[in-house]
Amino acid sequence: AGTASAHHALCGIDLTLQDGEFVTVIGSNGAGKSTLFGAVSGSFFVDRGRIALDGEDITYLPEHKRAKRIARIFQDPMRGSAPGMSIEENLALAAGTGSWLSSIKRSDRQRFREILRELDMGLEDRMTQPVGLLSGGQRQALTLMMATVNPPKLLLLDEHTAALDPATAEKVLDITKKTVSEQGLTCMMVTHNMQSAIDLGDRLIMMNKGRIIFDASGDEKRKLTVPALMELFRNAAGESLATDRILLGE
């Protein structure tokens, strides 16, 4: 700080989400996307400004207390679940049911089975198996179910399909769309795939150098194309992307 090499990860962010809004967030590497999520989820406290959730000031609320209302899923499928615990134990831990995992109630076990059946991955028949035996896509889908088993006030998806193969990523995205829609969740999703950013959600935000440089919703968002979005970036940022390939998701 105070030197020529000082860098503001976030600067002048002024953002309000409406209840039930699904927002996609794009920008080149270093734009501040994950840092924004870190600030909102409480991974660190901001130097200036205010963060409010449902009318409550949470600027200095510890991360573990925000976690009851803000769910975050990371790019790495291994970060969201405990590999040595079974599928049903992971779900019970996320749901907060019972004081001892060894005494999961029959009603909870049936609820978990129904949740897993929605994934169409056969996990409802493997509930007692360790999560460490699952594939990356299965673990990420399970993490999504864990994050929403008790619907959060805000769901943060930080490139949650980037580490998956295309077919699995598409399946997890379909599950994401269904879950967000059915539960009416307020959601922000960081993606490097511009087409996904256009197709998903009802609002699109573009970031560059720690700032929001473009914000579209409604008809404006629906009419967007990838070439138009690339041109908007050039006009708003005053430069071309360092690598178009990253944003195009190729």
Protein backbone atom coordinates (compact mmCIF):
# COMPACT_ATOMS: atom_id res chain seq x y z
CA ALA A 1 0.00 0.00 0.00
CA GLY A 2 1.14 3.52 -0.77
CA THR A 3 3.64 2.42 -3.43
CA ALA A 4 3.58 2.35 -7.22
CA SER A 5 2.97 -1.40 -7.08
CA ALA A 6 -0.14 -1.12 -4.89
CA HIS A 7 -3.11 -3.02 -6.32
CA HIS A 8 -6.76 -2.65 -5.30
CA ALA A 9 -8.42 -6.03 -5.72
CA LEU A 10 -11.84 -4.39 -5.36
CA CYS A 11 -12.45 -0.68 -5.87
CA GLY A 12 -15.71 1.25 -5.95
CA ILE A 13 -17.99 -1.79 -6.04
CA ASP A 14 -21.63 -0.75 -5.63
CA LEU A 15 -23.88 -3.75 -6.13
CA THR A 16 -27.39 -4.64 -4.97
CA LEU A 17 -29.05 -8.00 -5.68
CA GLN A 18 -32.81 -8.47 -5.62
CA ASP A 19 -34.36 -11.41 -3.81
CA GLY A 20 -34.35 -14.47 -6.10
CA GLU A 21 -32.02 -12.90 -8.68
CA PHE A 22 -29.56 -15.16 -10.56
CA VAL A 23 -26.48 -13.16 -11.56
CA THR A 24 -23.60 -14.41 -13.70
CA VAL A 25 -20.20 -12.74 -13.23
CA ILE A 26 -17.50 -12.66 -15.89
CA GLY A 27 -14.10 -11.02 -16.31
CA SER A 28 -10.51 -11.89 -17.15
CA ASN A 29 -8.10 -13.39 -14.62
CA GLY A 30 -7.37 -10.92 -11.84
CA ALA A 31 -10.57 -8.94 -12.42
CA GLY A 32 -11.64 -9.43 -8.79
CA LYS A 33 -14.42 -11.99 -9.21
CA SER A 34 -13.30 -14.49 -6.57
CA THR A 35 -12.16 -11.63 -4.33
CA LEU A 36 -15.68 -10.23 -4.47
CA PHE A 37 -17.03 -13.61 -3.38
CA GLY A 38 -14.44 -13.76 -0.61
CA ALA A 39 -15.54 -10.37 0.69
CA VAL A 40 -19.22 -11.31 0.63
CA SER A 41 -18.70 -14.73 2.25
CA GLY A 42 -16.39 -13.32 4.94
CA SER A 43 -13.08 -14.94 3.94
CA PHE A 44 -11.60 -11.54 4.80
CA PHE A 45 -12.89 -8.19 6.01
CA VAL A 46 -12.99 -5.29 3.56
CA ASP A 47 -10.89 -2.17 4.25
CA ARG A 48 -13.73 0.17 3.46
CA GLY A 49 -17.42 0.05 2.64
CA ARG A 50 -20.38 -1.97 3.86
CA ILE A 51 -21.84 -5.41 3.14
CA ALA A 52 -25.47 -6.07 4.00
CA LEU A 53 -27.54 -9.25 3.76
CA ASP A 54 -31.31 -9.03 3.89
CA GLY A 55 -31.05 -5.63 5.55
CA GLU A 56 -28.50 -6.70 8.18
CA ASP A 57 -24.98 -5.24 8.24
CA ILE A 58 -22.61 -8.24 8.07
CA THR A 59 -19.43 -6.30 7.18
CA TYR A 60 -17.58 -7.62 10.23
CA LEU A 61 -19.55 -10.80 10.85
CA PRO A 62 -17.15 -13.81 11.01
CA GLU A 63 -17.17 -16.23 8.09
CA HIS A 64 -18.49 -19.19 10.10
CA LYS A 65 -21.53 -17.15 11.14
CA ARG A 66 -22.20 -15.98 7.58
CA ALA A 67 -21.98 -19.61 6.43
CA LYS A 68 -25.41 -20.33 7.92
CA ARG A 69 -26.92 -17.94 5.37
CA ILE A 70 -24.32 -17.74 2.59
CA ALA A 71 -23.33 -20.94 0.79
CA ARG A 72 -20.23 -20.97 -1.41
CA ILE A 73 -19.08 -23.65 -3.85
CA PHE A 74 -15.53 -23.54 -5.19
CA GLN A 75 -13.92 -24.65 -8.44
CA ASP A 76 -12.18 -27.61 -6.78
CA PRO A 77 -14.74 -30.45 -6.33
CA MET A 78 -12.69 -31.78 -3.40
CA ARG A 79 -13.22 -28.69 -1.23
CA GLY A 80 -16.91 -29.05 -0.51
CA SER A 81 -17.20 -32.43 1.18
CA ALA A 82 -15.41 -34.71 3.67
CA PRO A 83 -13.91 -37.68 1.78
CA GLY A 84 -13.66 -40.01 4.78
CA MET A 85 -17.33 -39.62 5.65
CA SER A 86 -20.21 -41.30 3.87
CA ILE A 87 -22.59 -39.51 1.50
CA GLU A 88 -25.39 -39.50 4.08
CA GLU A 89 -23.04 -38.28 6.82
CA ASN A 90 -21.95 -35.36 4.63
CA LEU A 91 -25.58 -34.44 4.00
CA ALA A 92 -26.43 -34.79 7.70
CA LEU A 93 -23.52 -32.53 8.60
CA ALA A 94 -24.69 -29.92 6.09
CA ALA A 95 -28.31 -30.19 7.21
CA GLY A 96 -27.40 -29.98 10.90
CA THR A 97 -29.61 -32.95 11.76
CA GLY A 98 -28.92 -34.79 15.00
CA SER A 99 -26.03 -34.47 17.44
CA TRP A 100 -24.40 -37.74 16.41
CA LEU A 101 -23.85 -38.75 12.82
CA SER A 102 -24.15 -42.41 13.80
CA SER A 103 -27.80 -41.83 14.72
CA ILE A 104 -29.19 -40.26 11.55
CA LYS A 105 -32.96 -40.41 11.74
CA ARG A 106 -34.88 -42.58 9.31
CA SER A 107 -36.88 -39.54 8.16
CA ASP A 108 -33.66 -37.63 7.42
CA ARG A 109 -32.20 -40.61 5.59
CA GLN A 110 -35.31 -40.79 3.40
CA ARG A 111 -35.09 -37.05 2.75
CA PHE A 112 -31.46 -37.40 1.68
CA ARG A 113 -32.38 -40.29 -0.61
CA GLU A 114 -34.99 -38.14 -2.36
CA ILE A 115 -32.50 -35.27 -2.73
CA LEU A 116 -29.88 -37.57 -4.26
CA ARG A 117 -32.41 -39.17 -6.61
CA GLU A 118 -32.91 -35.75 -8.19
CA LEU A 119 -29.27 -35.85 -9.33
CA ASP A 120 -29.87 -38.95 -11.47
CA MET A 121 -26.37 -40.21 -10.65
CA GLY A 122 -27.32 -43.31 -8.66
CA LEU A 123 -25.98 -41.83 -5.43
CA GLU A 124 -29.21 -42.65 -3.57
CA ASP A 125 -28.10 -46.31 -3.66
CA ARG A 126 -24.60 -45.51 -2.35
CA MET A 127 -25.44 -43.41 0.69
CA THR A 128 -23.22 -45.35 3.09
CA GLN A 129 -20.16 -45.23 0.81
CA PRO A 130 -17.31 -42.78 1.52
CA VAL A 131 -17.46 -39.60 -0.53
CA GLY A 132 -13.80 -40.11 -1.43
CA LEU A 133 -14.88 -42.88 -3.83
CA LEU A 134 -16.96 -40.50 -5.96
CA SER A 135 -15.85 -38.82 -9.17
CA GLY A 136 -15.21 -35.08 -9.30
CA GLY A 137 -18.56 -34.42 -10.96
CA GLN A 138 -20.43 -36.53 -8.41
CA ARG A 139 -18.70 -34.74 -5.55
CA GLN A 140 -19.50 -31.32 -7.00
CA ALA A 141 -23.16 -32.30 -7.48
CA LEU A 142 -23.22 -33.57 -3.89
CA THR A 143 -21.63 -30.32 -2.70
CA LEU A 144 -24.42 -28.40 -4.43
CA MET A 145 -27.01 -30.51 -2.61
CA MET A 146 -25.18 -29.94 0.68
CA ALA A 147 -25.10 -26.19 0.07
CA THR A 148 -28.84 -26.06 -0.58
CA VAL A 149 -30.23 -28.79 1.71
CA ASN A 150 -31.15 -25.85 3.94
CA PRO A 151 -31.84 -23.09 1.38
CA PRO A 152 -29.31 -20.25 1.93
CA LYS A 153 -30.07 -16.55 1.64
CA LEU A 154 -27.32 -16.35 -1.00
CA LEU A 155 -25.62 -19.02 -3.08
CA LEU A 156 -22.14 -18.22 -4.46
CA LEU A 157 -20.87 -20.44 -7.28
CA ASP A 158 -17.18 -19.73 -7.90
CA GLU A 159 -16.48 -21.40 -11.28
CA HIS A 160 -18.00 -24.57 -9.82
CA THR A 161 -17.90 -26.47 -13.15
CA ALA A 162 -14.49 -25.30 -14.43
CA ALA A 163 -12.62 -28.41 -13.23
CA LEU A 164 -15.11 -30.86 -14.75
CA ASP A 165 -15.15 -32.44 -18.20
CA PRO A 166 -17.63 -30.80 -20.63
CA ALA A 167 -20.35 -33.47 -20.33
CA THR A 168 -20.20 -33.53 -16.53
CA ALA A 169 -20.03 -29.73 -16.37
CA GLU A 170 -23.21 -29.50 -18.45
CA LYS A 171 -25.00 -31.95 -16.15
CA VAL A 172 -23.95 -30.04 -13.02
CA LEU A 173 -25.08 -26.79 -14.65
CA ASP A 174 -28.47 -28.34 -15.42
CA ILE A 175 -28.77 -29.44 -11.77
CA THR A 176 -27.74 -25.93 -10.71
CA LYS A 177 -30.41 -24.26 -12.87
CA LYS A 178 -33.09 -26.62 -11.56
CA THR A 179 -32.09 -26.19 -7.91
CA VAL A 180 -31.86 -22.40 -8.09
CA SER A 181 -35.19 -22.17 -9.91
CA GLU A 182 -37.14 -24.59 -7.71
CA GLN A 183 -35.88 -23.06 -4.47
CA GLY A 184 -36.08 -19.48 -5.72
CA LEU A 185 -32.51 -18.86 -4.56
CA THR A 186 -30.59 -15.62 -4.86
CA CYS A 187 -27.45 -16.71 -6.68
CA MET A 188 -24.19 -15.33 -8.09
CA MET A 189 -22.13 -17.50 -10.43
CA VAL A 190 -18.62 -16.74 -11.63
CA THR A 191 -17.85 -18.29 -15.00
CA HIS A 192 -15.14 -18.01 -17.64
CA ASN A 193 -17.57 -19.22 -20.30
CA MET A 194 -19.22 -16.21 -21.90
CA GLN A 195 -21.94 -18.25 -23.57
CA SER A 196 -22.94 -19.75 -20.22
CA ALA A 197 -22.95 -16.28 -18.70
CA ILE A 198 -25.37 -15.15 -21.41
CA ASP A 199 -27.60 -18.24 -21.30
CA LEU A 200 -27.90 -18.60 -17.53
CA GLY A 201 -29.58 -16.33 -15.02
CA ASP A 202 -31.41 -13.05 -15.44
CA ARG A 203 -28.53 -10.60 -14.95
CA LEU A 204 -24.91 -10.42 -16.15
CA ILE A 205 -22.07 -8.46 -14.55
CA MET A 206 -18.66 -7.90 -16.15
CA MET A 207 -15.66 -7.03 -13.96
CA ASN A 208 -12.24 -5.60 -14.78
CA LYS A 209 -9.45 -4.46 -12.44
CA GLY A 210 -11.63 -4.68 -9.38
CA ARG A 211 -14.56 -2.73 -10.81
CA ILE A 212 -17.92 -3.55 -12.36
CA ILE A 213 -17.72 -2.18 -15.89
CA PHE A 214 -20.95 -3.61 -17.34
CA ASP A 215 -24.26 -4.68 -15.82
CA ALA A 216 -27.10 -6.04 -17.97
CA SER A 217 -30.47 -7.62 -17.26
CA GLY A 218 -33.82 -8.16 -18.93
CA ASP A 219 -34.01 -7.66 -22.71
CA GLU A 220 -30.51 -6.17 -22.79
CA LYS A 221 -29.05 -9.41 -21.45
CA ARG A 222 -31.23 -11.67 -23.58
CA LYS A 223 -30.06 -9.95 -26.76
CA LEU A 224 -26.36 -10.33 -25.96
CA THR A 225 -24.03 -12.46 -28.08
CA VAL A 226 -20.45 -13.49 -27.39
CA PRO A 227 -18.99 -11.14 -30.06
CA ALA A 228 -21.11 -8.27 -28.71
CA LEU A 229 -19.94 -9.02 -25.17
CA MET A 230 -16.32 -9.01 -26.33
CA GLU A 231 -16.84 -5.63 -27.96
CA LEU A 232 -18.53 -4.29 -24.83
CA PHE A 233 -15.48 -5.31 -22.83
CA ARG A 234 -13.14 -3.52 -25.21
CA ASN A 235 -15.27 -0.36 -25.07
CA ALA A 236 -15.80 -0.38 -21.30
CA ALA A 237 -12.29 -1.43 -20.29
CA GLY A 238 -10.49 0.56 -22.98
CA GLU A 239 -8.46 -2.52 -23.90
CA SER A 240 -8.77 -5.97 -25.38
CA LEU A 241 -8.89 -9.05 -23.22
CA ALA A 242 -5.48 -10.45 -22.33
CA THR A 243 -6.75 -13.75 -23.69
CA ASP A 244 -10.10 -14.13 -25.40
CA ARG A 245 -9.71 -17.87 -25.11
CA ILE A 246 -10.18 -17.84 -21.35
CA LEU A 247 -13.45 -15.91 -21.47
CA LEU A 248 -14.76 -17.94 -24.37
CA GLY A 249 -14.22 -21.10 -22.32
CA GLU A 250 -12.44 -22.88 -25.15
